[in-house]
PDB file of N, CA and C in Angstrom:
ATOM      1  N   MET A   1      24.193  -7.089  20.783  1.00  0.00           N
ATOM      2  CA  MET A   1      23.440  -6.933  19.754  1.00  0.00           C
ATOM      3  C   MET A   1      22.547  -8.117  19.533  1.00  0.00           C
ATOM      4  N   HIS A   2      22.218  -8.852  20.049  1.00  0.00           N
ATOM      5  CA  HIS A   2      20.932  -9.639  19.870  1.00  0.00           C
ATOM      6  C   HIS A   2      19.630  -8.831  20.265  1.00  0.00           C
ATOM      7  N   MET A   3      19.715  -7.995  21.392  1.00  0.00           N
ATOM      8  CA  MET A   3      18.659  -7.515  21.842  1.00  0.00           C
ATOM      9  C   MET A   3      18.377  -6.497  20.807  1.00  0.00           C
ATOM     10  N   ALA A   4      19.317  -5.937  20.284  1.00  0.00           N
ATOM     11  CA  ALA A   4      18.931  -4.906  19.190  1.00  0.00           C
ATOM     12  C   ALA A   4      18.320  -5.490  17.694  1.00  0.00           C
ATOM     13  N   HIS A   5      18.704  -6.686  17.449  1.00  0.00           N
ATOM     14  CA  HIS A   5      18.270  -7.516  16.375  1.00  0.00           C
ATOM     15  C   HIS A   5      16.857  -7.798  16.737  1.00  0.00           C
ATOM     16  N   GLN A   6      16.451  -8.316  18.159  1.00  0.00           N
ATOM     17  CA  GLN A   6      14.986  -8.748  18.974  1.00  0.00           C
ATOM     18  C   GLN A   6      14.466  -7.172  18.522  1.00  0.00           C
ATOM     19  N   HIS A   7      14.734  -6.124  19.132  1.00  0.00           N
ATOM     20  CA  HIS A   7      13.904  -4.942  18.719  1.00  0.00           C
ATOM     21  C   HIS A   7      13.429  -4.295  17.652  1.00  0.00           C
ATOM     22  N   THR A   8      14.510  -4.922  16.636  1.00  0.00           N
ATOM     23  CA  THR A   8      14.408  -4.625  14.867  1.00  0.00           C
ATOM     24  C   THR A   8      13.233  -5.466  14.155  1.00  0.00           C
ATOM     25  N   ARG A   9      13.577  -6.516  14.606  1.00  0.00           N
ATOM     26  CA  ARG A   9      12.199  -7.352  14.299  1.00  0.00           C
ATOM     27  C   ARG A   9      10.687  -7.231  14.801  1.00  0.00           C
ATOM     28  N   ILE A  10      10.888  -6.770  15.962  1.00  0.00           N
ATOM     29  CA  ILE A  10       9.552  -6.224  16.686  1.00  0.00           C
ATOM     30  C   ILE A  10       8.961  -5.306  15.925  1.00  0.00           C
ATOM     31  N   ALA A  11       9.819  -4.584  15.604  1.00  0.00           N
ATOM     32  CA  ALA A  11       9.589  -3.125  15.066  1.00  0.00           C
ATOM     33  C   ALA A  11       8.980  -3.416  13.581  1.00  0.00           C
ATOM     34  N   LEU A  12       9.824  -4.082  12.846  1.00  0.00           N
ATOM     35  CA  LEU A  12       9.153  -4.112  11.311  1.00  0.00           C
ATOM     36  C   LEU A  12       7.959  -5.243  11.533  1.00  0.00           C
ATOM     37  N   THR A  13       7.517  -6.040  12.256  1.00  0.00           N
ATOM     38  CA  THR A  13       6.111  -6.757  12.617  1.00  0.00           C
ATOM     39  C   THR A  13       5.252  -5.720  13.001  1.00  0.00           C
ATOM     40  N   ALA A  14       5.701  -4.739  13.460  1.00  0.00           N
ATOM     41  CA  ALA A  14       4.831  -3.952  13.903  1.00  0.00           C
ATOM     42  C   ALA A  14       4.304  -3.221  12.646  1.00  0.00           C
ATOM     43  N   LEU A  15       5.350  -2.852  11.892  1.00  0.00           N
ATOM     44  CA  LEU A  15       5.276  -1.779  10.699  1.00  0.00           C
ATOM     45  C   LEU A  15       4.316  -2.728   9.778  1.00  0.00           C
ATOM     46  N   GLN A  16       4.729  -3.934   9.776  1.00  0.00           N
ATOM     47  CA  GLN A  16       4.100  -4.872   8.663  1.00  0.00           C
ATOM     48  C   GLN A  16       2.473  -4.978   9.070  1.00  0.00           C
ATOM     49  N   TRP A  17       2.022  -5.044  10.012  1.00  0.00           N
ATOM     50  CA  TRP A  17       0.783  -5.044  10.770  1.00  0.00           C
ATOM     51  C   TRP A  17       0.186  -3.903  10.336  1.00  0.00           C
ATOM     52  N   THR A  18       0.462  -2.956  11.083  1.00  0.00           N
ATOM     53  CA  THR A  18       0.291  -1.501  10.626  1.00  0.00           C
ATOM     54  C   THR A  18      -0.049  -0.977   9.084  1.00  0.00           C
ATOM     55  N   LEU A  19       0.713  -1.181   8.220  1.00  0.00           N
ATOM     56  CA  LEU A  19       0.740  -1.395   7.178  1.00  0.00           C
ATOM     57  C   LEU A  19      -0.290  -2.378   6.254  1.00  0.00           C
ATOM     58  N   GLY A  20      -0.195  -3.468   6.544  1.00  0.00           N
ATOM     59  CA  GLY A  20      -1.525  -4.427   6.278  1.00  0.00           C
ATOM     60  C   GLY A  20      -2.562  -3.622   6.685  1.00  0.00           C
ATOM     61  N   LEU A  21      -3.003  -3.600   7.888  1.00  0.00           N
ATOM     62  CA  LEU A  21      -4.359  -2.952   8.231  1.00  0.00           C
ATOM     63  C   LEU A  21      -4.470  -1.729   7.636  1.00  0.00           C
ATOM     64  N   VAL A  22      -3.916  -0.774   7.511  1.00  0.00           N
ATOM     65  CA  VAL A  22      -4.381   0.573   7.152  1.00  0.00           C
ATOM     66  C   VAL A  22      -4.898   0.480   5.924  1.00  0.00           C
ATOM     67  N   ILE A  23      -3.763   0.016   4.979  1.00  0.00           N
ATOM     68  CA  ILE A  23      -4.002  -0.070   3.484  1.00  0.00           C
ATOM     69  C   ILE A  23      -5.168  -0.910   3.120  1.00  0.00           C
ATOM     70  N   LEU A  24      -5.350  -2.014   4.005  1.00  0.00           N
ATOM     71  CA  LEU A  24      -6.807  -2.906   3.877  1.00  0.00           C
ATOM     72  C   LEU A  24      -8.058  -1.998   4.117  1.00  0.00           C
ATOM     73  N   VAL A  25      -7.982  -1.484   4.644  1.00  0.00           N
ATOM     74  CA  VAL A  25      -8.937   0.017   5.296  1.00  0.00           C
ATOM     75  C   VAL A  25      -9.362   0.493   3.992  1.00  0.00           C
ATOM     76  N   GLU A  26      -8.115   1.266   3.514  1.00  0.00           N
ATOM     77  CA  GLU A  26      -8.498   2.527   3.051  1.00  0.00           C
ATOM     78  C   GLU A  26      -9.116   1.939   1.569  1.00  0.00           C
ATOM     79  N   ALA A  27      -8.452   0.766   0.895  1.00  0.00           N
ATOM     80  CA  ALA A  27      -8.222   0.010   0.033  1.00  0.00           C
ATOM     81  C   ALA A  27     -10.136  -0.417   0.052  1.00  0.00           C
ATOM     82  N   VAL A  28     -10.370  -0.825   0.702  1.00  0.00           N
ATOM     83  CA  VAL A  28     -11.874  -1.306   0.836  1.00  0.00           C
ATOM     84  C   VAL A  28     -12.750   0.221   0.640  1.00  0.00           C
ATOM     85  N   LEU A  29     -12.376   1.075   1.443  1.00  0.00           N
ATOM     86  CA  LEU A  29     -12.867   2.655   1.296  1.00  0.00           C
ATOM     87  C   LEU A  29     -13.214   3.074  -0.097  1.00  0.00           C
ATOM     88  N   PHE A  30     -11.525   2.911  -0.631  1.00  0.00           N
ATOM     89  CA  PHE A  30     -11.535   3.398  -1.943  1.00  0.00           C
ATOM     90  C   PHE A  30     -12.406   2.697  -2.868  1.00  0.00           C
ATOM     91  N   LEU A  31     -13.047   1.624  -2.700  1.00  0.00           N
ATOM     92  CA  LEU A  31     -13.787   0.503  -3.667  1.00  0.00           C
ATOM     93  C   LEU A  31     -15.487   1.168  -3.494  1.00  0.00           C
ATOM     94  N   MET A  32     -15.571   1.537  -2.361  1.00  0.00           N
ATOM     95  CA  MET A  32     -17.113   1.579  -1.934  1.00  0.00           C
ATOM     96  C   MET A  32     -17.167   2.693  -3.412  1.00  0.00           C
ATOM     97  N   PRO A  33     -18.874   2.489  -3.321  1.00  0.00           N
ATOM     98  CA  PRO A  33     -19.323   2.905  -4.510  1.00  0.00           C
ATOM     99  C   PRO A  33     -19.379   4.731  -4.069  1.00  0.00           C
ATOM    100  N   ALA A  34     -19.286   5.241  -2.973  1.00  0.00           N
ATOM    101  CA  ALA A  34     -19.189   6.619  -2.605  1.00  0.00           C
ATOM    102  C   ALA A  34     -17.957   7.186  -3.349  1.00  0.00           C
ATOM    103  N   ALA A  35     -16.814   6.675  -3.376  1.00  0.00           N
ATOM    104  CA  ALA A  35     -15.583   6.770  -3.644  1.00  0.00           C
ATOM    105  C   ALA A  35     -15.489   7.043  -5.495  1.00  0.00           C
ATOM    106  N   ARG A  36     -16.580   6.575  -5.763  1.00  0.00           N
ATOM    107  CA  ARG A  36     -16.430   6.524  -7.357  1.00  0.00           C
ATOM    108  C   ARG A  36     -16.370   8.195  -7.964  1.00  0.00           C
ATOM    109  N   ALA A  37     -17.619   8.548  -7.259  1.00  0.00           N
ATOM    110  CA  ALA A  37     -17.586  10.142  -7.976  1.00  0.00           C
ATOM    111  C   ALA A  37     -16.215  10.933  -7.917  1.00  0.00           C
ATOM    112  N   GLY A  38     -15.682  10.955  -6.472  1.00  0.00           N
ATOM    113  CA  GLY A  38     -14.191  11.315  -6.378  1.00  0.00           C
ATOM    114  C   GLY A  38     -13.286  11.144  -7.337  1.00  0.00           C
ATOM    115  N   PHE A  39     -13.343   9.499  -7.649  1.00  0.00           N
ATOM    116  CA  PHE A  39     -12.016   9.488  -8.489  1.00  0.00           C
ATOM    117  C   PHE A  39     -12.744   9.699  -9.944  1.00  0.00           C
ATOM    118  N   ALA A  40     -14.033  10.233 -10.383  1.00  0.00           N
ATOM    119  CA  ALA A  40     -14.443  10.349 -11.952  1.00  0.00           C
ATOM    120  C   ALA A  40     -13.588  11.721 -12.106  1.00  0.00           C
ATOM    121  N   ARG A  41     -13.592  12.284 -11.126  1.00  0.00           N
ATOM    122  CA  ARG A  41     -13.224  14.106 -11.256  1.00  0.00           C
ATOM    123  C   ARG A  41     -11.450  13.960 -11.795  1.00  0.00           C
ATOM    124  N   THR A  42     -10.734  12.809 -11.721  1.00  0.00           N
ATOM    125  CA  THR A  42      -9.394  12.580 -12.127  1.00  0.00           C
ATOM    126  C   THR A  42      -9.773  12.300 -13.795  1.00  0.00           C
ATOM    127  N   HIS A  43     -10.754  12.113 -14.102  1.00  0.00           N
ATOM    128  CA  HIS A  43     -11.209  11.984 -15.790  1.00  0.00           C
ATOM    129  C   HIS A  43     -10.624  10.729 -16.365  1.00  0.00           C
ATOM    130  N   MET A  44     -10.296   9.848 -15.357  1.00  0.00           N
ATOM    131  CA  MET A  44      -9.588   8.301 -15.867  1.00  0.00           C
ATOM    132  C   MET A  44     -10.971   7.196 -15.514  1.00  0.00           C
ATOM    133  N   PRO A  45     -10.339   5.902 -16.300  1.00  0.00           N
ATOM    134  CA  PRO A  45     -11.312   5.460 -16.506  1.00  0.00           C
ATOM    135  C   PRO A  45     -11.415   4.742 -15.265  1.00  0.00           C
ATOM    136  N   ASN A  46     -12.896   4.161 -14.656  1.00  0.00           N
ATOM    137  CA  ASN A  46     -12.692   3.375 -13.635  1.00  0.00           C
ATOM    138  C   ASN A  46     -12.296   2.200 -13.259  1.00  0.00           C
ATOM    139  N   PHE A  47     -11.537   1.934 -14.243  1.00  0.00           N
ATOM    140  CA  PHE A  47     -11.058   0.199 -13.964  1.00  0.00           C
ATOM    141  C   PHE A  47      -9.562   0.568 -13.449  1.00  0.00           C
ATOM    142  N   VAL A  48      -9.143   1.828 -13.711  1.00  0.00           N
ATOM    143  CA  VAL A  48      -7.729   2.116 -12.584  1.00  0.00           C
ATOM    144  C   VAL A  48      -8.194   2.215 -11.520  1.00  0.00           C
ATOM    145  N   ARG A  49      -9.301   2.746 -11.293  1.00  0.00           N
ATOM    146  CA  ARG A  49      -9.646   2.625  -9.394  1.00  0.00           C
ATOM    147  C   ARG A  49      -9.797   1.413  -8.938  1.00  0.00           C
ATOM    148  N   LEU A  50     -10.311   0.366  -9.705  1.00  0.00           N
ATOM    149  CA  LEU A  50     -10.692  -0.833  -9.432  1.00  0.00           C
ATOM    150  C   LEU A  50      -9.232  -1.924  -9.541  1.00  0.00           C
ATOM    151  N   VAL A  51      -8.186  -1.339 -10.311  1.00  0.00           N
ATOM    152  CA  VAL A  51      -6.963  -2.329 -10.532  1.00  0.00           C
ATOM    153  C   VAL A  51      -6.164  -1.290  -9.089  1.00  0.00           C
ATOM    154  N   LEU A  52      -6.399  -0.167  -9.004  1.00  0.00           N
ATOM    155  CA  LEU A  52      -5.618   0.077  -7.505  1.00  0.00           C
ATOM    156  C   LEU A  52      -5.961  -0.551  -6.188  1.00  0.00           C
ATOM    157  N   GLY A  53      -7.508  -0.552  -6.207  1.00  0.00           N
ATOM    158  CA  GLY A  53      -8.037  -0.843  -5.396  1.00  0.00           C
ATOM    159  C   GLY A  53      -8.101  -2.475  -4.652  1.00  0.00           C
ATOM    160  N   TRP A  54      -8.266  -3.362  -5.832  1.00  0.00           N
ATOM    161  CA  TRP A  54      -7.916  -4.347  -5.420  1.00  0.00           C
ATOM    162  C   TRP A  54      -6.509  -4.894  -5.331  1.00  0.00           C
ATOM    163  N   GLY A  55      -5.760  -4.515  -6.332  1.00  0.00           N
ATOM    164  CA  GLY A  55      -4.212  -4.908  -6.036  1.00  0.00           C
ATOM    165  C   GLY A  55      -3.659  -4.297  -4.694  1.00  0.00           C
ATOM    166  N   GLU A  56      -4.304  -3.164  -3.896  1.00  0.00           N
ATOM    167  CA  GLU A  56      -3.923  -3.058  -2.529  1.00  0.00           C
ATOM    168  C   GLU A  56      -4.695  -3.866  -1.652  1.00  0.00           C
ATOM    169  N   ILE A  57      -6.098  -4.383  -1.533  1.00  0.00           N
ATOM    170  CA  ILE A  57      -6.286  -5.553  -0.957  1.00  0.00           C
ATOM    171  C   ILE A  57      -5.654  -6.537  -0.957  1.00  0.00           C
ATOM    172  N   ILE A  58      -5.249  -6.880  -2.208  1.00  0.00           N
ATOM    173  CA  ILE A  58      -4.532  -8.195  -2.182  1.00  0.00           C
ATOM    174  C   ILE A  58      -2.823  -8.184  -1.361  1.00  0.00           C
ATOM    175  N   GLY A  59      -2.231  -7.237  -1.986  1.00  0.00           N
ATOM    176  CA  GLY A  59      -1.031  -6.916  -1.036  1.00  0.00           C
ATOM    177  C   GLY A  59      -0.981  -6.873   0.292  1.00  0.00           C
ATOM    178  N   ALA A  60      -2.407  -6.083   0.721  1.00  0.00           N
ATOM    179  CA  ALA A  60      -2.082  -6.012   2.271  1.00  0.00           C
ATOM    180  C   ALA A  60      -2.729  -7.522   2.832  1.00  0.00           C
ATOM    181  N   VAL A  61      -3.434  -8.204   2.139  1.00  0.00           N
ATOM    182  CA  VAL A  61      -3.906  -9.400   2.864  1.00  0.00           C
ATOM    183  C   VAL A  61      -2.488 -10.329   2.956  1.00  0.00           C
ATOM    184  N   LEU A  62      -2.229 -10.349   1.936  1.00  0.00           N
ATOM    185  CA  LEU A  62      -0.978 -10.936   1.768  1.00  0.00           C
ATOM    186  C   LEU A  62       0.280 -10.419   2.528  1.00  0.00           C
ATOM    187  N   VAL A  63       0.561  -9.225   2.549  1.00  0.00           N
ATOM    188  CA  VAL A  63       1.359  -8.831   3.964  1.00  0.00           C
ATOM    189  C   VAL A  63       1.008  -9.356   5.182  1.00  0.00           C
ATOM    190  N   LEU A  64      -0.089  -9.418   5.515  1.00  0.00           N
ATOM    191  CA  LEU A  64      -0.762  -9.817   6.849  1.00  0.00           C
ATOM    192  C   LEU A  64      -0.428 -11.495   7.056  1.00  0.00           C
ATOM    193  N   ILE A  65      -0.095 -12.019   5.948  1.00  0.00           N
ATOM    194  CA  ILE A  65       0.052 -13.579   6.104  1.00  0.00           C
ATOM    195  C   ILE A  65       1.607 -13.812   6.392  1.00  0.00           C
ATOM    196  N   PRO A  66       2.357 -14.208   7.310  1.00  0.00           N
ATOM    197  CA  PRO A  66       3.727 -14.556   7.474  1.00  0.00           C
ATOM    198  C   PRO A  66       4.373 -14.894   6.222  1.00  0.00           C
ATOM    199  N   ARG A  67       3.912 -16.214   5.629  1.00  0.00           N
ATOM    200  CA  ARG A  67       4.255 -16.507   4.717  1.00  0.00           C
ATOM    201  C   ARG A  67       4.572 -15.846   3.165  1.00  0.00           C
ATOM    202  N   THR A  68       3.538 -14.910   3.253  1.00  0.00           N
ATOM    203  CA  THR A  68       3.872 -14.306   2.010  1.00  0.00           C
ATOM    204  C   THR A  68       3.858 -12.812   1.948  1.00  0.00           C
ATOM    205  N   ALA A  69       3.910 -12.282   3.240  1.00  0.00           N
ATOM    206  CA  ALA A  69       4.769 -11.228   3.529  1.00  0.00           C
ATOM    207  C   ALA A  69       5.522 -10.198   2.371  1.00  0.00           C
ATOM    208  N   ILE A  70       6.710 -10.743   2.369  1.00  0.00           N
ATOM    209  CA  ILE A  70       7.169 -10.578   0.781  1.00  0.00           C
ATOM    210  C   ILE A  70       6.563 -10.057  -0.372  1.00  0.00           C
ATOM    211  N   SER A  71       6.270 -11.110  -0.639  1.00  0.00           N
ATOM    212  CA  SER A  71       5.302 -10.861  -1.935  1.00  0.00           C
ATOM    213  C   SER A  71       4.356  -9.946  -1.917  1.00  0.00           C
ATOM    214  N   GLY A  72       3.804 -10.082  -0.962  1.00  0.00           N
ATOM    215  CA  GLY A  72       2.257  -8.989  -0.836  1.00  0.00           C
ATOM    216  C   GLY A  72       3.156  -7.371  -0.688  1.00  0.00           C
ATOM    217  N   ALA A  73       4.045  -7.095   0.312  1.00  0.00           N
ATOM    218  CA  ALA A  73       4.700  -6.019   0.312  1.00  0.00           C
ATOM    219  C   ALA A  73       5.477  -5.762  -1.070  1.00  0.00           C
ATOM    220  N   TRP A  74       6.156  -6.564  -2.160  1.00  0.00           N
ATOM    221  CA  TRP A  74       5.964  -5.899  -3.242  1.00  0.00           C
ATOM    222  C   TRP A  74       5.070  -5.343  -3.847  1.00  0.00           C
ATOM    223  N   LEU A  75       3.992  -6.392  -4.108  1.00  0.00           N
ATOM    224  CA  LEU A  75       2.881  -5.928  -4.847  1.00  0.00           C
ATOM    225  C   LEU A  75       2.484  -4.613  -4.355  1.00  0.00           C
ATOM    226  N   LEU A  76       2.552  -4.388  -3.162  1.00  0.00           N
ATOM    227  CA  LEU A  76       1.993  -2.897  -2.330  1.00  0.00           C
ATOM    228  C   LEU A  76       3.146  -1.858  -3.201  1.00  0.00           C
ATOM    229  N   VAL A  77       4.315  -2.245  -3.143  1.00  0.00           N
ATOM    230  CA  VAL A  77       5.352  -1.271  -3.496  1.00  0.00           C
ATOM    231  C   VAL A  77       5.219  -0.815  -5.251  1.00  0.00           C
ATOM    232  N   THR A  78       4.716  -1.680  -5.896  1.00  0.00           N
ATOM    233  CA  THR A  78       4.113  -1.794  -7.242  1.00  0.00           C
ATOM    234  C   THR A  78       3.014  -0.863  -7.475  1.00  0.00           C
ATOM    235  N   VAL A  79       2.218  -1.346  -6.714  1.00  0.00           N
ATOM    236  CA  VAL A  79       1.117  -0.354  -7.212  1.00  0.00           C
ATOM    237  C   VAL A  79       0.950   1.033  -6.178  1.00  0.00           C
ATOM    238  N   PHE A  80       1.918   1.035  -5.379  1.00  0.00           N
ATOM    239  CA  PHE A  80       2.018   2.476  -4.826  1.00  0.00           C
ATOM    240  C   PHE A  80       2.668   3.374  -5.544  1.00  0.00           C
ATOM    241  N   LEU A  81       3.859   2.975  -6.550  1.00  0.00           N
ATOM    242  CA  LEU A  81       4.511   3.555  -7.189  1.00  0.00           C
ATOM    243  C   LEU A  81       3.695   3.809  -8.540  1.00  0.00           C
ATOM    244  N   PHE A  82       2.784   3.325  -8.737  1.00  0.00           N
ATOM    245  CA  PHE A  82       1.807   3.210 -10.111  1.00  0.00           C
ATOM    246  C   PHE A  82       1.030   4.271  -9.691  1.00  0.00           C
ATOM    247  N   ALA A  83       0.105   4.338  -8.562  1.00  0.00           N
ATOM    248  CA  ALA A  83      -0.682   5.588  -8.072  1.00  0.00           C
ATOM    249  C   ALA A  83       0.295   6.921  -8.137  1.00  0.00           C
ATOM    250  N   ILE A  84       1.534   7.090  -7.733  1.00  0.00           N
ATOM    251  CA  ILE A  84       1.979   8.207  -7.533  1.00  0.00           C
ATOM    252  C   ILE A  84       2.414   8.543  -8.938  1.00  0.00           C
ATOM    253  N   LEU A  85       2.813   7.519  -9.969  1.00  0.00           N
ATOM    254  CA  LEU A  85       2.835   8.131 -11.239  1.00  0.00           C
ATOM    255  C   LEU A  85       1.559   8.606 -11.548  1.00  0.00           C
ATOM    256  N   ILE A  86       0.463   8.387 -11.243  1.00  0.00           N
ATOM    257  CA  ILE A  86      -0.808   8.515 -12.032  1.00  0.00           C
ATOM    258  C   ILE A  86      -1.355   9.981 -11.299  1.00  0.00           C
ATOM    259  N   HIS A  87      -0.696  10.090 -10.191  1.00  0.00           N
ATOM    260  CA  HIS A  87      -0.842  11.362  -9.472  1.00  0.00           C
ATOM    261  C   HIS A  87      -0.231  12.326 -10.034  1.00  0.00           C
ATOM    262  N   LEU A  88       1.188  12.295 -10.283  1.00  0.00           N
ATOM    263  CA  LEU A  88       2.155  13.189 -10.954  1.00  0.00           C
ATOM    264  C   LEU A  88       1.766  13.707 -12.177  1.00  0.00           C
ATOM    265  N   LEU A  89       1.395  12.569 -13.038  1.00  0.00           N
ATOM    266  CA  LEU A  89       0.697  12.526 -14.355  1.00  0.00           C
ATOM    267  C   LEU A  89      -0.550  14.081 -14.651  1.00  0.00           C
ATOM    268  N   HIS A  90      -0.805  13.670 -13.353  1.00  0.00           N
ATOM    269  CA  HIS A  90      -2.267  14.442 -13.718  1.00  0.00           C
ATOM    270  C   HIS A  90      -2.476  15.671 -12.828  1.00  0.00           C
ATOM    271  N   GLY A  91      -1.023  16.056 -12.537  1.00  0.00           N
ATOM    272  CA  GLY A  91      -0.595  17.630 -11.750  1.00  0.00           C
ATOM    273  C   GLY A  91      -0.988  17.615 -10.298  1.00  0.00           C
ATOM    274  N   MET A  92      -1.421  16.181  -9.959  1.00  0.00           N
ATOM    275  CA  MET A  92      -1.522  16.331  -8.326  1.00  0.00           C
ATOM    276  C   MET A  92      -0.604  15.948  -7.407  1.00  0.00           C
ATOM    277  N   PHE A  93       0.257  16.175  -6.682  1.00  0.00           N
ATOM    278  CA  PHE A  93       1.576  16.362  -6.218  1.00  0.00           C
ATOM    279  C   PHE A  93       1.511  16.060  -4.470  1.00  0.00           C
ATOM    280  N   ASN A  94      -0.037  15.611  -4.189  1.00  0.00           N
ATOM    281  CA  ASN A  94       0.040  15.440  -2.941  1.00  0.00           C
ATOM    282  C   ASN A  94       0.106  13.871  -2.941  1.00  0.00           C
ATOM    283  N   VAL A  95       1.445  13.439  -2.957  1.00  0.00           N
ATOM    284  CA  VAL A  95       1.667  12.138  -3.176  1.00  0.00           C
ATOM    285  C   VAL A  95       2.444  11.796  -1.859  1.00  0.00           C
ATOM    286  N   GLY A  96       2.374  12.315  -0.655  1.00  0.00           N
ATOM    287  CA  GLY A  96       3.517  12.074   0.645  1.00  0.00           C
ATOM    288  C   GLY A  96       2.965  11.122   1.333  1.00  0.00           C
ATOM    289  N   ASN A  97       1.780  10.616   1.455  1.00  0.00           N
ATOM    290  CA  ASN A  97       1.305   9.601   2.239  1.00  0.00           C
ATOM    291  C   ASN A  97       1.490   8.209   1.515  1.00  0.00           C
ATOM    292  N   LEU A  98       1.627   8.320  -0.262  1.00  0.00           N
ATOM    293  CA  LEU A  98       1.958   7.436  -1.029  1.00  0.00           C
ATOM    294  C   LEU A  98       3.599   7.183  -0.955  1.00  0.00           C
ATOM    295  N   ALA A  99       4.002   7.592  -0.560  1.00  0.00           N
ATOM    296  CA  ALA A  99       5.406   8.001  -0.577  1.00  0.00           C
ATOM    297  C   ALA A  99       5.816   7.134   0.602  1.00  0.00           C
ATOM    298  N   ILE A 100       5.124   7.604   1.685  1.00  0.00           N
ATOM    299  CA  ILE A 100       5.212   7.076   3.215  1.00  0.00           C
ATOM    300  C   ILE A 100       5.126   5.578   2.851  1.00  0.00           C
ATOM    301  N   TYR A 101       3.666   4.956   2.274  1.00  0.00           N
ATOM    302  CA  TYR A 101       3.579   3.627   2.240  1.00  0.00           C
ATOM    303  C   TYR A 101       4.162   2.915   1.253  1.00  0.00           C
ATOM    304  N   THR A 102       4.634   3.534   0.380  1.00  0.00           N
ATOM    305  CA  THR A 102       6.174   2.700  -0.467  1.00  0.00           C
ATOM    306  C   THR A 102       6.919   2.620   0.040  1.00  0.00           C
ATOM    307  N   ALA A 103       7.802   3.243   1.168  1.00  0.00           N
ATOM    308  CA  ALA A 103       8.775   3.016   1.949  1.00  0.00           C
ATOM    309  C   ALA A 103       8.537   2.168   3.074  1.00  0.00           C
ATOM    310  N   ALA A 104       7.397   2.200   3.165  1.00  0.00           N
ATOM    311  CA  ALA A 104       6.923   0.830   4.518  1.00  0.00           C
ATOM    312  C   ALA A 104       6.985  -0.141   3.617  1.00  0.00           C
ATOM    313  N   ALA A 105       6.244  -0.415   2.895  1.00  0.00           N
ATOM    314  CA  ALA A 105       6.362  -1.458   2.309  1.00  0.00           C
ATOM    315  C   ALA A 105       7.722  -1.944   1.523  1.00  0.00           C
ATOM    316  N   TRP A 106       8.312  -1.137   1.014  1.00  0.00           N
ATOM    317  CA  TRP A 106       9.885  -1.724   0.938  1.00  0.00           C
ATOM    318  C   TRP A 106      10.635  -2.146   2.098  1.00  0.00           C
ATOM    319  N   ALA A 107      10.605  -1.177   3.299  1.00  0.00           N
ATOM    320  CA  ALA A 107      11.109  -1.932   4.515  1.00  0.00           C
ATOM    321  C   ALA A 107      10.613  -3.492   4.852  1.00  0.00           C
ATOM    322  N   VAL A 108       9.513  -3.642   4.550  1.00  0.00           N
ATOM    323  CA  VAL A 108       8.864  -5.207   5.373  1.00  0.00           C
ATOM    324  C   VAL A 108       9.672  -5.958   3.953  1.00  0.00           C
ATOM    325  N   ALA A 109       9.283  -5.673   2.804  1.00  0.00           N
ATOM    326  CA  ALA A 109      10.111  -6.587   1.751  1.00  0.00           C
ATOM    327  C   ALA A 109      11.236  -6.844   1.820  1.00  0.00           C
ATOM    328  N   ALA A 110      12.074  -5.429   2.240  1.00  0.00           N
ATOM    329  CA  ALA A 110      13.316  -5.778   2.337  1.00  0.00           C
ATOM    330  C   ALA A 110      14.450  -6.823   3.198  1.00  0.00           C
ATOM    331  N   THR A 111      12.988  -6.847   4.197  1.00  0.00           N
ATOM    332  CA  THR A 111      13.803  -7.262   5.734  1.00  0.00           C
ATOM    333  C   THR A 111      12.880  -8.780   6.300  1.00  0.00           C
ATOM    334  N   ARG A 112      12.394  -9.114   5.484  1.00  0.00           N
ATOM    335  CA  ARG A 112      11.555 -10.364   6.376  1.00  0.00           C
ATOM    336  C   ARG A 112      11.986 -11.055   5.188  1.00  0.00           C
TER     337      ARG A 112
END
């Protein structure tokens, strides 16, 4: 039983770090000026992009710090659910990646 627990902890640590690094990179790209034009096609105010992007950056950094990983993961769950809601309300149903990110953040938050 001890060995299984250790393997689970290693897998969750790998998930935590992968989630944190991937979201950090994607959020920085989302905040770059080049992303503004793509987001403008949604006809939503630019501040929504900034809130989502900065929320992801803060959450990702917190996930990468062991003492704040749970808070960061819950922040990411919140941001991702908000992003999913925005997508769905605008008729954009390609939320698969966001759903996977939400589940990963939830797994990190629930097990740390």
